[in-house]
Amino acid sequence: MKKSIIFLIILFFPCFLRAADKPVVGINPFIVHGLSPEEGRIIESLIHSYIAVVGEVVINDAKQESKNTGTERLINAGETRLPDFILSGSIAVDHDNHILILEITNTRIGETSLYTSSHRTTGELLLRARTMVETLLAAGNIHSGGPPASIREDGPEPITERNIIGTWRGDTGIEIIRLRQDGKGIAIFSSGAQMNLTYTIENNALKVTQNSPNTERFYYPVPYGVAKQLVAKAEPMRWELLLYQKGTSLKGIKVTTAVRYEDNTVLEFLPGTTREAEWTRATR
């Protein structure tokens, strides 16, 4: 029987991109205080995926290595290459502030770079995780052929209702998103399904939430039997996005309920699964 996993592969696919000249980055288990295990896992996994874009990720934890599929560690027979860099991190809640500390050591020269940031919510931390990781990687000089383009990109722009209303394209499985002035909008899926949306602007981030009952067509091309179970179990989809590129790009995260399934049998529901999302303004 063929096992399938949806959504999760979107988050972790960079781990499969391996180039011979990629540095090896050993990652120690993160220390998490004041957050649920699920929140800690989401943050740590998202950071792993960003690092895997520019480096070969090696998880420095025997228990974790026994659980993974081999894509996050060196797999060539007889390979003994040691990590070029070691990453450690901690996530903690202190007086309602979500504090992320990342530390990376260049093992070849013994230099250590430290990055600390504070956020009001877990969602805000996730939304800015990519920029934080890339800043740290640039400081540690971890890149191939120059720093990632997003390091050179300007920071997020101010968001107002006026500069986000209109039509947007992009995001996996969605053809068009239309945002109106009344805090509402619609998303039209590739399957033809239409989802009502509501949105708010908080802390210079656009927060968009599903405002329609679930339907099987929201989860196409998942098999009908699995999609039917998602209709009953899945939490409303939501997005948290920042504005970039002179108001033409919204980038951030999508939070949804993923599922592991075999044929038409659901093996596990995974609420709170986070992946990157990007919407591009449609030509007027």
Protein backbone atom coordinates (compact mmCIF):
# COMPACT_ATOMS: atom_id res chain seq x y z
CA MET A 1 0.00 0.00 0.00
CA LYS A 2 1.12 3.49 -0.74
CA LYS A 3 1.28 5.93 2.13
CA SER A 4 0.68 9.61 1.51
CA ILE A 5 1.35 12.76 3.47
CA ILE A 6 -0.18 16.09 2.47
CA PHE A 7 0.84 19.59 3.45
CA LEU A 8 3.81 18.46 5.54
CA ILE A 9 5.90 17.84 2.47
CA ILE A 10 5.43 21.50 1.56
CA LEU A 11 7.08 22.54 4.77
CA PHE A 12 9.94 20.05 4.71
CA PHE A 13 10.80 19.69 1.02
CA PRO A 14 13.98 21.84 1.23
CA CYS A 15 15.59 19.01 3.20
CA PHE A 16 15.76 17.00 -0.03
CA LEU A 17 17.78 19.64 -1.87
CA ARG A 18 21.34 18.62 -1.42
CA ALA A 19 24.34 20.07 -3.18
CA ALA A 20 27.90 18.91 -2.78
CA ASP A 21 29.04 22.36 -1.75
CA LYS A 22 26.44 22.87 0.94
CA PRO A 23 27.86 23.30 4.45
CA VAL A 24 26.84 20.77 7.07
CA VAL A 25 24.84 22.34 9.91
CA GLY A 26 24.44 20.34 13.10
CA ILE A 27 21.31 21.34 15.03
CA ASN A 28 21.00 20.70 18.75
CA PRO A 29 17.50 20.10 20.20
CA PHE A 30 15.87 23.42 21.09
CA ILE A 31 15.13 24.25 24.72
CA VAL A 32 11.47 25.22 25.10
CA HIS A 33 9.88 26.85 28.18
CA GLY A 34 6.33 28.14 28.59
CA LEU A 35 4.98 26.87 25.25
CA SER A 36 3.10 23.72 24.41
CA PRO A 37 5.15 20.87 22.89
CA GLU A 38 3.20 21.37 19.64
CA GLU A 39 4.08 25.07 19.44
CA GLY A 40 7.73 24.32 20.13
CA ARG A 41 7.75 21.60 17.48
CA ILE A 42 6.23 23.92 14.84
CA ILE A 43 8.77 26.68 15.48
CA GLU A 44 11.73 24.29 15.52
CA SER A 45 10.60 22.50 12.34
CA LEU A 46 10.12 25.77 10.47
CA ILE A 47 13.61 26.94 11.44
CA HIS A 48 15.05 23.58 10.31
CA SER A 49 13.38 23.99 6.90
CA TYR A 50 14.89 27.46 6.37
CA ILE A 51 18.38 26.24 7.29
CA ALA A 52 18.03 23.24 4.95
CA VAL A 53 17.78 25.61 1.99
CA VAL A 54 21.45 26.57 2.36
CA GLY A 55 22.94 23.71 4.38
CA GLU A 56 22.88 19.97 4.98
CA VAL A 57 20.91 19.57 8.20
CA VAL A 58 22.12 17.04 10.79
CA ILE A 59 19.98 16.59 13.90
CA ASN A 60 22.27 16.16 16.91
CA ASP A 61 19.87 13.98 18.87
CA ALA A 62 19.87 10.18 18.85
CA LYS A 63 16.16 9.87 19.63
CA GLN A 64 15.22 12.28 16.85
CA GLU A 65 17.53 10.55 14.37
CA SER A 66 15.84 7.24 15.06
CA LYS A 67 12.49 8.80 14.11
CA ASN A 68 13.41 10.68 10.94
CA THR A 69 13.44 9.29 7.43
CA GLY A 70 17.09 9.91 6.74
CA THR A 71 16.55 13.20 4.90
CA GLU A 72 17.83 15.33 7.77
CA ARG A 73 21.18 13.62 8.23
CA LEU A 74 24.08 12.47 6.10
CA ILE A 75 23.11 9.33 4.23
CA ASN A 76 26.06 8.46 1.98
CA ALA A 77 27.73 5.24 3.05
CA GLY A 78 31.08 5.83 4.70
CA GLU A 79 30.63 9.60 4.91
CA THR A 80 32.35 11.01 7.98
CA ARG A 81 32.16 14.74 7.32
CA LEU A 82 31.75 16.69 10.54
CA PRO A 83 29.42 19.72 10.86
CA ASP A 84 30.84 23.01 9.61
CA PHE A 85 28.42 24.85 11.89
CA ILE A 86 26.50 24.03 15.08
CA LEU A 87 23.13 25.69 15.77
CA SER A 88 21.49 25.85 19.19
CA GLY A 89 18.26 27.57 20.11
CA SER A 90 15.82 28.30 22.89
CA ILE A 91 12.23 29.49 22.92
CA ALA A 92 10.64 30.85 26.09
CA VAL A 93 7.68 32.89 27.27
CA ASP A 94 8.53 35.64 29.73
CA HIS A 95 5.81 38.08 30.86
CA ASP A 96 3.80 37.37 27.69
CA ASN A 97 6.85 37.93 25.46
CA HIS A 98 7.90 35.05 23.20
CA ILE A 99 11.70 35.13 23.20
CA LEU A 100 13.72 33.27 20.57
CA ILE A 101 17.48 32.90 20.99
CA LEU A 102 19.55 31.38 18.17
CA GLU A 103 23.27 30.72 18.43
CA ILE A 104 25.46 29.43 15.62
CA THR A 105 29.11 28.40 15.90
CA ASN A 106 31.53 28.15 12.99
CA THR A 107 33.47 25.04 13.99
CA ARG A 108 36.29 25.78 11.56
CA ILE A 109 37.29 29.09 13.14
CA GLY A 110 35.57 28.89 16.52
CA GLU A 111 33.40 32.02 16.00
CA THR A 112 29.91 32.22 17.50
CA SER A 113 27.05 34.48 16.38
CA LEU A 114 24.01 35.13 18.58
CA TYR A 115 20.55 36.39 17.60
CA THR A 116 17.80 37.29 20.10
CA SER A 117 14.29 38.49 19.30
CA SER A 118 11.10 39.12 21.26
CA HIS A 119 7.53 38.71 19.97
CA ARG A 120 4.06 39.18 21.40
CA THR A 121 2.66 35.90 20.10
CA THR A 122 3.76 32.57 18.66
CA GLY A 123 2.17 33.59 15.36
CA GLU A 124 4.26 36.76 15.20
CA LEU A 125 7.41 34.73 15.92
CA LEU A 126 6.56 32.27 13.12
CA LEU A 127 5.81 35.11 10.74
CA ARG A 128 9.26 36.60 11.21
CA ALA A 129 11.21 33.36 11.62
CA ARG A 130 12.56 33.31 8.08
CA THR A 131 14.05 36.79 8.30
CA MET A 132 15.59 35.99 11.69
CA VAL A 133 17.18 32.77 10.47
CA GLU A 134 18.56 34.36 7.32
CA THR A 135 20.02 37.24 9.33
CA LEU A 136 21.77 34.73 11.58
CA LEU A 137 23.02 32.67 8.62
CA ALA A 138 24.40 35.79 6.97
CA ALA A 139 26.17 36.78 10.20
CA GLY A 140 27.68 33.29 10.36
CA ASN A 141 28.59 33.46 6.65
CA ILE A 142 26.54 30.34 5.83
CA HIS A 143 25.56 30.55 2.19
CA SER A 144 26.51 29.30 -1.23
CA GLY A 145 27.11 31.82 -3.99
CA GLY A 146 26.14 34.80 -1.87
CA PRO A 147 23.47 35.34 0.78
CA PRO A 148 19.87 34.39 0.02
CA ALA A 149 18.00 37.05 -1.91
CA SER A 150 15.60 37.68 0.92
CA ILE A 151 18.46 38.91 3.12
CA ARG A 152 18.93 41.76 0.68
CA GLU A 153 15.19 42.41 0.50
CA ASP A 154 13.77 45.45 2.25
CA GLY A 155 11.85 44.86 5.46
CA PRO A 156 8.06 44.64 5.63
CA GLU A 157 6.09 47.72 4.66
CA PRO A 158 3.26 49.36 6.63
CA ILE A 159 -0.09 47.62 6.08
CA THR A 160 -3.35 49.52 5.82
CA GLU A 161 -6.73 48.37 4.61
CA ARG A 162 -6.30 50.62 1.58
CA ASN A 163 -3.14 48.92 0.35
CA ILE A 164 -4.31 45.32 0.77
CA ILE A 165 -7.83 45.46 -0.69
CA GLY A 166 -8.13 44.07 -4.20
CA THR A 167 -7.25 40.82 -5.97
CA TRP A 168 -4.31 38.56 -5.13
CA ARG A 169 -2.99 35.39 -6.75
CA GLY A 170 -0.92 32.53 -5.44
CA ASP A 171 -0.74 30.15 -2.50
CA THR A 172 -0.98 26.42 -3.06
CA GLY A 173 -4.39 25.26 -4.28
CA ILE A 174 -5.89 28.77 -4.45
CA GLU A 175 -6.37 30.65 -7.71
CA ILE A 176 -7.65 34.04 -6.54
CA ILE A 177 -8.12 35.90 -3.25
CA ARG A 178 -10.24 39.06 -3.18
CA LEU A 179 -10.14 41.31 -0.11
CA ARG A 180 -12.83 43.98 0.39
CA GLN A 181 -12.99 47.11 2.53
CA ASP A 182 -15.34 45.64 5.12
CA GLY A 183 -12.84 43.20 6.62
CA LYS A 184 -14.15 40.38 4.44
CA GLY A 185 -13.03 38.56 1.33
CA ILE A 186 -13.24 35.37 -0.69
CA ALA A 187 -10.79 32.72 -1.89
CA ILE A 188 -11.46 30.73 -5.06
CA PHE A 189 -9.74 27.34 -5.05
CA SER A 190 -8.30 25.45 -8.00
CA SER A 191 -11.10 22.92 -7.43
CA GLY A 192 -13.67 25.66 -8.02
CA ALA A 193 -14.69 25.88 -4.36
CA GLN A 194 -15.25 29.31 -2.84
CA MET A 195 -14.29 30.15 0.76
CA ASN A 196 -15.46 33.23 2.63
CA LEU A 197 -12.74 35.05 4.56
CA THR A 198 -12.46 37.61 7.31
CA TYR A 199 -9.36 39.67 7.99
CA THR A 200 -7.86 42.05 10.53
CA ILE A 201 -4.65 44.07 10.65
CA GLU A 202 -2.71 43.71 13.91
CA ASN A 203 0.87 44.71 14.71
CA ASN A 204 1.47 45.48 11.01
CA ALA A 205 0.46 41.93 10.03
CA LEU A 206 -2.53 40.87 7.94
CA LYS A 207 -4.45 38.05 9.65
CA VAL A 208 -6.88 36.19 7.38
CA THR A 209 -9.25 33.47 8.63
CA GLN A 210 -11.59 31.00 6.93
CA ASN A 211 -15.22 31.99 7.49
CA SER A 212 -17.02 29.19 5.63
CA PRO A 213 -17.95 25.67 6.68
CA ASN A 214 -15.47 23.07 5.48
CA THR A 215 -16.14 21.32 2.18
CA GLU A 216 -14.38 18.39 0.53
CA ARG A 217 -13.25 20.61 -2.36
CA PHE A 218 -11.06 22.71 -0.02
CA TYR A 219 -8.76 19.66 0.22
CA TYR A 220 -8.47 18.59 -3.42
CA PRO A 221 -6.66 16.43 -4.62
CA VAL A 222 -6.90 14.43 -1.37
CA PRO A 223 -9.05 11.28 -1.86
CA TYR A 224 -12.73 11.93 -1.23
CA GLY A 225 -12.92 9.62 1.78
CA VAL A 226 -10.05 11.46 3.49
CA ALA A 227 -11.37 14.89 2.50
CA LYS A 228 -14.75 13.98 4.00
CA GLN A 229 -13.09 13.26 7.34
CA LEU A 230 -11.14 16.52 7.12
CA VAL A 231 -14.44 18.36 6.67
CA ALA A 232 -15.49 17.09 10.11
CA LYS A 233 -12.14 17.47 11.88
CA ALA A 234 -10.12 20.29 10.31
CA GLU A 235 -9.80 23.64 12.02
CA PRO A 236 -10.44 26.84 10.01
CA MET A 237 -7.51 27.73 7.78
CA ARG A 238 -5.71 30.96 8.60
CA TRP A 239 -2.91 33.09 7.24
CA GLU A 240 -0.59 35.66 8.82
CA LEU A 241 1.14 37.82 6.22
CA LEU A 242 3.47 40.81 5.90
CA LEU A 243 3.53 43.27 2.99
CA TYR A 244 6.62 43.54 0.72
CA GLN A 245 7.84 44.81 -2.66
CA LYS A 246 5.98 48.11 -2.82
CA GLY A 247 2.67 46.55 -1.89
CA THR A 248 2.74 43.78 -4.51
CA SER A 249 3.60 40.78 -2.33
CA LEU A 250 2.16 39.36 0.89
CA LYS A 251 4.47 36.78 2.51
CA GLY A 252 4.09 34.81 5.71
CA ILE A 253 2.58 31.59 6.97
CA LYS A 254 -0.51 29.44 6.54
CA VAL A 255 -1.79 27.38 9.47
CA THR A 256 -4.00 24.43 8.64
CA THR A 257 -4.87 20.86 9.63
CA ALA A 258 -2.66 18.36 7.83
CA VAL A 259 -3.33 14.65 7.66
CA ARG A 260 -1.43 11.40 7.20
CA TYR A 261 -3.42 8.82 5.30
CA GLU A 262 -3.19 5.47 3.56
CA ASP A 263 -5.58 5.02 0.64
CA ASN A 264 -8.87 6.31 2.12
CA THR A 265 -7.90 5.66 5.74
CA VAL A 266 -6.77 8.55 7.95
CA LEU A 267 -3.78 7.63 10.11
CA GLU A 268 -3.33 10.93 11.92
CA PHE A 269 -4.74 14.46 11.98
CA LEU A 270 -2.12 17.18 12.48
CA PRO A 271 -3.82 20.45 13.50
CA GLY A 272 -1.71 23.58 13.63
CA THR A 273 0.56 22.57 10.74
CA THR A 274 2.42 25.64 9.49
CA ARG A 275 3.95 26.32 6.10
CA GLU A 276 5.09 29.31 4.10
CA ALA A 277 2.57 31.24 2.03
CA GLU A 278 2.89 34.02 -0.53
CA TRP A 279 0.22 36.03 -2.32
CA THR A 280 1.04 38.25 -5.30
CA ARG A 281 -1.14 41.19 -6.29
CA ALA A 282 -2.97 40.54 -9.53
CA THR A 283 -2.52 42.97 -12.40
CA ARG A 284 -5.12 45.66 -12.13
